[in-house]
Amino acid sequence: MNDSGLLLIILGSLAWFWWDSRGVAERATIAAESYCANSGVAFLNDTVFWRKIRFKRNRQGRIQLQRYYFFEFASDMQQRYRGKSL
């Protein structure tokens, strides 16, 4: 394999990772929004923030990426609190 083929594989992998991460972040945002609505608190900034990523085995024993996100919420609009989403 030549250098341009390797570069294309690396760029393709980075593009896939970015695209996949956006979908996961959107699902985490929906989950955090739902959690805050059910708990009667305000979901601040209307988004989640990436915390960390690691490899972990799923229930079937296969290794997969696990992304951790955090979000902020407030019950009285005076004090901010952090929640987390997997």
N, C-alpha and C. Protein backbone atom coordinates (compact mmCIF):
# COMPACT_ATOMS: atom_id res chain seq x y z
N MET A 1 0.85 -1.17 0.00
CA MET A 1 0.00 0.00 0.00
C MET A 1 0.90 1.24 0.00
N ASN A 2 0.55 2.20 -0.81
CA ASN A 2 1.36 3.41 -0.87
C ASN A 2 0.89 4.43 0.16
N ASP A 3 1.60 5.54 0.26
CA ASP A 3 1.32 6.56 1.26
C ASP A 3 -0.06 7.20 1.07
N SER A 4 -0.47 7.39 -0.17
CA SER A 4 -1.77 8.04 -0.40
C SER A 4 -2.92 7.11 0.01
N GLY A 5 -2.74 5.80 -0.14
CA GLY A 5 -3.76 4.85 0.30
C GLY A 5 -3.90 4.85 1.82
N LEU A 6 -2.77 4.89 2.50
CA LEU A 6 -2.78 4.94 3.97
C LEU A 6 -3.42 6.24 4.47
N LEU A 7 -3.08 7.33 3.82
CA LEU A 7 -3.66 8.63 4.18
C LEU A 7 -5.18 8.61 3.98
N LEU A 8 -5.63 8.01 2.91
CA LEU A 8 -7.06 7.91 2.63
C LEU A 8 -7.77 7.08 3.70
N ILE A 9 -7.16 6.00 4.14
CA ILE A 9 -7.74 5.16 5.21
C ILE A 9 -7.82 5.94 6.52
N ILE A 10 -6.76 6.67 6.85
CA ILE A 10 -6.76 7.47 8.08
C ILE A 10 -7.82 8.55 8.03
N LEU A 11 -7.90 9.27 6.92
CA LEU A 11 -8.90 10.33 6.80
C LEU A 11 -10.32 9.76 6.83
N GLY A 12 -10.52 8.63 6.18
CA GLY A 12 -11.83 7.97 6.20
C GLY A 12 -12.22 7.53 7.61
N SER A 13 -11.25 7.01 8.35
CA SER A 13 -11.51 6.60 9.73
C SER A 13 -11.86 7.79 10.61
N LEU A 14 -11.15 8.88 10.44
CA LEU A 14 -11.45 10.09 11.22
C LEU A 14 -12.83 10.64 10.87
N ALA A 15 -13.18 10.62 9.60
CA ALA A 15 -14.50 11.10 9.18
C ALA A 15 -15.60 10.21 9.76
N TRP A 16 -15.40 8.90 9.74
CA TRP A 16 -16.39 7.99 10.33
C TRP A 16 -16.53 8.25 11.82
N PHE A 17 -15.40 8.39 12.53
CA PHE A 17 -15.44 8.62 13.97
C PHE A 17 -16.19 9.92 14.28
N TRP A 18 -15.92 10.98 13.54
CA TRP A 18 -16.61 12.26 13.76
C TRP A 18 -18.11 12.09 13.52
N TRP A 19 -18.49 11.47 12.42
CA TRP A 19 -19.90 11.28 12.07
C TRP A 19 -20.61 10.43 13.12
N ASP A 20 -20.00 9.35 13.52
CA ASP A 20 -20.59 8.47 14.53
C ASP A 20 -20.72 9.19 15.88
N SER A 21 -19.72 9.97 16.25
CA SER A 21 -19.75 10.70 17.51
C SER A 21 -20.86 11.73 17.54
N ARG A 22 -21.15 12.36 16.42
CA ARG A 22 -22.25 13.34 16.37
C ARG A 22 -23.58 12.65 16.64
N GLY A 23 -23.79 11.47 16.09
CA GLY A 23 -25.03 10.74 16.34
C GLY A 23 -25.18 10.34 17.79
N VAL A 24 -24.07 9.90 18.39
CA VAL A 24 -24.09 9.51 19.81
C VAL A 24 -24.37 10.73 20.68
N ALA A 25 -23.75 11.86 20.37
CA ALA A 25 -23.96 13.09 21.14
C ALA A 25 -25.42 13.55 21.04
N GLU A 26 -26.02 13.40 19.86
CA GLU A 26 -27.43 13.77 19.71
C GLU A 26 -28.33 12.90 20.58
N ARG A 27 -28.05 11.61 20.62
CA ARG A 27 -28.83 10.71 21.48
C ARG A 27 -28.61 11.01 22.95
N ALA A 28 -27.38 11.36 23.33
CA ALA A 28 -27.10 11.72 24.72
C ALA A 28 -27.81 13.02 25.10
N THR A 29 -27.90 13.96 24.17
CA THR A 29 -28.62 15.21 24.42
C THR A 29 -30.10 14.95 24.64
N ILE A 30 -30.68 14.10 23.83
CA ILE A 30 -32.10 13.75 23.99
C ILE A 30 -32.33 13.07 25.33
N ALA A 31 -31.43 12.17 25.72
CA ALA A 31 -31.57 11.47 27.00
C ALA A 31 -31.45 12.45 28.17
N ALA A 32 -30.49 13.37 28.11
CA ALA A 32 -30.29 14.34 29.18
C ALA A 32 -31.49 15.29 29.27
N GLU A 33 -32.00 15.70 28.13
CA GLU A 33 -33.17 16.58 28.09
C GLU A 33 -34.38 15.89 28.71
N SER A 34 -34.58 14.64 28.38
CA SER A 34 -35.69 13.86 28.92
C SER A 34 -35.54 13.67 30.42
N TYR A 35 -34.32 13.37 30.86
CA TYR A 35 -34.04 13.19 32.28
C TYR A 35 -34.37 14.47 33.06
N CYS A 36 -33.93 15.60 32.55
CA CYS A 36 -34.19 16.88 33.22
C CYS A 36 -35.68 17.19 33.25
N ALA A 37 -36.38 16.94 32.16
CA ALA A 37 -37.82 17.20 32.12
C ALA A 37 -38.56 16.33 33.12
N ASN A 38 -38.19 15.07 33.21
CA ASN A 38 -38.83 14.14 34.15
C ASN A 38 -38.49 14.46 35.60
N SER A 39 -37.33 15.09 35.83
CA SER A 39 -36.90 15.43 37.18
C SER A 39 -37.35 16.82 37.62
N GLY A 40 -37.91 17.59 36.69
CA GLY A 40 -38.38 18.93 37.02
C GLY A 40 -37.28 19.95 37.19
N VAL A 41 -36.17 19.76 36.48
CA VAL A 41 -35.07 20.72 36.53
C VAL A 41 -34.83 21.28 35.12
N ALA A 42 -34.11 22.39 35.06
CA ALA A 42 -33.83 23.04 33.77
C ALA A 42 -32.56 22.47 33.16
N PHE A 43 -32.64 22.04 31.92
CA PHE A 43 -31.49 21.54 31.16
C PHE A 43 -30.78 22.76 30.59
N LEU A 44 -29.56 23.02 31.06
CA LEU A 44 -28.83 24.22 30.67
C LEU A 44 -28.01 24.00 29.40
N ASN A 45 -27.90 25.02 28.60
CA ASN A 45 -27.11 25.05 27.36
C ASN A 45 -27.66 24.17 26.25
N ASP A 46 -28.70 23.39 26.51
CA ASP A 46 -29.32 22.52 25.51
C ASP A 46 -28.33 21.61 24.79
N THR A 47 -27.30 21.17 25.47
CA THR A 47 -26.33 20.28 24.86
C THR A 47 -25.58 19.47 25.91
N VAL A 48 -24.88 18.45 25.46
CA VAL A 48 -24.00 17.67 26.32
C VAL A 48 -22.57 17.93 25.87
N PHE A 49 -21.63 17.69 26.76
CA PHE A 49 -20.22 17.92 26.47
C PHE A 49 -19.46 16.62 26.63
N TRP A 50 -18.56 16.38 25.69
CA TRP A 50 -17.77 15.16 25.70
C TRP A 50 -16.84 15.17 26.90
N ARG A 51 -16.78 14.06 27.62
CA ARG A 51 -15.93 13.94 28.81
C ARG A 51 -14.74 13.03 28.54
N LYS A 52 -15.02 11.80 28.13
CA LYS A 52 -13.94 10.86 27.81
C LYS A 52 -14.46 9.76 26.91
N ILE A 53 -13.53 9.03 26.37
CA ILE A 53 -13.87 7.91 25.50
C ILE A 53 -12.88 6.78 25.82
N ARG A 54 -13.39 5.55 25.80
CA ARG A 54 -12.52 4.40 26.06
C ARG A 54 -13.10 3.17 25.39
N PHE A 55 -12.28 2.14 25.32
CA PHE A 55 -12.75 0.87 24.81
C PHE A 55 -13.28 0.05 25.98
N LYS A 56 -14.42 -0.60 25.79
CA LYS A 56 -15.02 -1.42 26.83
C LYS A 56 -15.78 -2.56 26.17
N ARG A 57 -15.86 -3.68 26.84
CA ARG A 57 -16.61 -4.82 26.32
C ARG A 57 -18.10 -4.60 26.54
N ASN A 58 -18.90 -4.90 25.51
CA ASN A 58 -20.35 -4.80 25.65
C ASN A 58 -20.91 -6.10 26.22
N ARG A 59 -22.21 -6.23 26.30
CA ARG A 59 -22.84 -7.41 26.90
C ARG A 59 -22.55 -8.69 26.13
N GLN A 60 -22.27 -8.57 24.85
CA GLN A 60 -21.95 -9.75 24.04
C GLN A 60 -20.47 -10.10 24.10
N GLY A 61 -19.69 -9.31 24.84
CA GLY A 61 -18.27 -9.57 25.00
C GLY A 61 -17.39 -8.94 23.94
N ARG A 62 -17.98 -8.19 23.02
CA ARG A 62 -17.20 -7.52 21.98
C ARG A 62 -16.71 -6.17 22.46
N ILE A 63 -15.53 -5.79 22.04
CA ILE A 63 -14.96 -4.50 22.41
C ILE A 63 -15.59 -3.41 21.55
N GLN A 64 -15.99 -2.32 22.19
CA GLN A 64 -16.57 -1.19 21.48
C GLN A 64 -16.14 0.11 22.16
N LEU A 65 -16.36 1.22 21.48
CA LEU A 65 -16.07 2.52 22.07
C LEU A 65 -17.18 2.89 23.04
N GLN A 66 -16.82 3.38 24.20
CA GLN A 66 -17.81 3.89 25.15
C GLN A 66 -17.49 5.36 25.36
N ARG A 67 -18.47 6.19 25.09
CA ARG A 67 -18.29 7.64 25.22
C ARG A 67 -19.02 8.12 26.47
N TYR A 68 -18.39 9.02 27.20
CA TYR A 68 -18.99 9.62 28.39
C TYR A 68 -19.23 11.10 28.11
N TYR A 69 -20.41 11.57 28.47
CA TYR A 69 -20.77 12.97 28.30
C TYR A 69 -21.25 13.53 29.63
N PHE A 70 -21.15 14.84 29.80
CA PHE A 70 -21.77 15.47 30.96
C PHE A 70 -22.67 16.60 30.47
N PHE A 71 -23.59 16.98 31.31
CA PHE A 71 -24.49 18.08 31.01
C PHE A 71 -24.74 18.84 32.29
N GLU A 72 -25.22 20.07 32.14
CA GLU A 72 -25.49 20.89 33.31
C GLU A 72 -26.98 21.14 33.43
N PHE A 73 -27.43 21.21 34.69
CA PHE A 73 -28.83 21.49 34.96
C PHE A 73 -28.94 22.34 36.22
N ALA A 74 -30.09 22.94 36.41
CA ALA A 74 -30.32 23.77 37.60
C ALA A 74 -31.75 23.57 38.06
N SER A 75 -31.93 23.56 39.37
CA SER A 75 -33.28 23.42 39.93
C SER A 75 -33.86 24.77 40.30
N ASP A 76 -33.00 25.73 40.63
CA ASP A 76 -33.48 27.03 41.06
C ASP A 76 -32.89 28.19 40.26
N MET A 77 -32.16 27.89 39.21
CA MET A 77 -31.48 28.85 38.35
C MET A 77 -30.44 29.68 39.11
N GLN A 78 -30.05 29.25 40.30
CA GLN A 78 -29.01 29.91 41.08
C GLN A 78 -27.72 29.07 41.05
N GLN A 79 -27.89 27.78 41.21
CA GLN A 79 -26.75 26.86 41.31
C GLN A 79 -26.79 25.88 40.14
N ARG A 80 -25.65 25.70 39.47
CA ARG A 80 -25.53 24.74 38.38
C ARG A 80 -25.04 23.41 38.93
N TYR A 81 -25.57 22.33 38.39
CA TYR A 81 -25.16 20.99 38.77
C TYR A 81 -24.77 20.24 37.51
N ARG A 82 -23.98 19.18 37.68
CA ARG A 82 -23.56 18.36 36.55
C ARG A 82 -24.20 16.99 36.63
N GLY A 83 -24.67 16.52 35.49
CA GLY A 83 -25.14 15.17 35.33
C GLY A 83 -24.23 14.47 34.35
N LYS A 84 -24.35 13.16 34.25
CA LYS A 84 -23.51 12.43 33.29
C LYS A 84 -24.35 11.47 32.48
N SER A 85 -23.88 11.20 31.32
CA SER A 85 -24.57 10.32 30.39
C SER A 85 -23.55 9.39 29.77
N LEU A 86 -23.90 8.11 29.64
CA LEU A 86 -23.02 7.14 28.97
C LEU A 86 -23.47 6.95 27.55
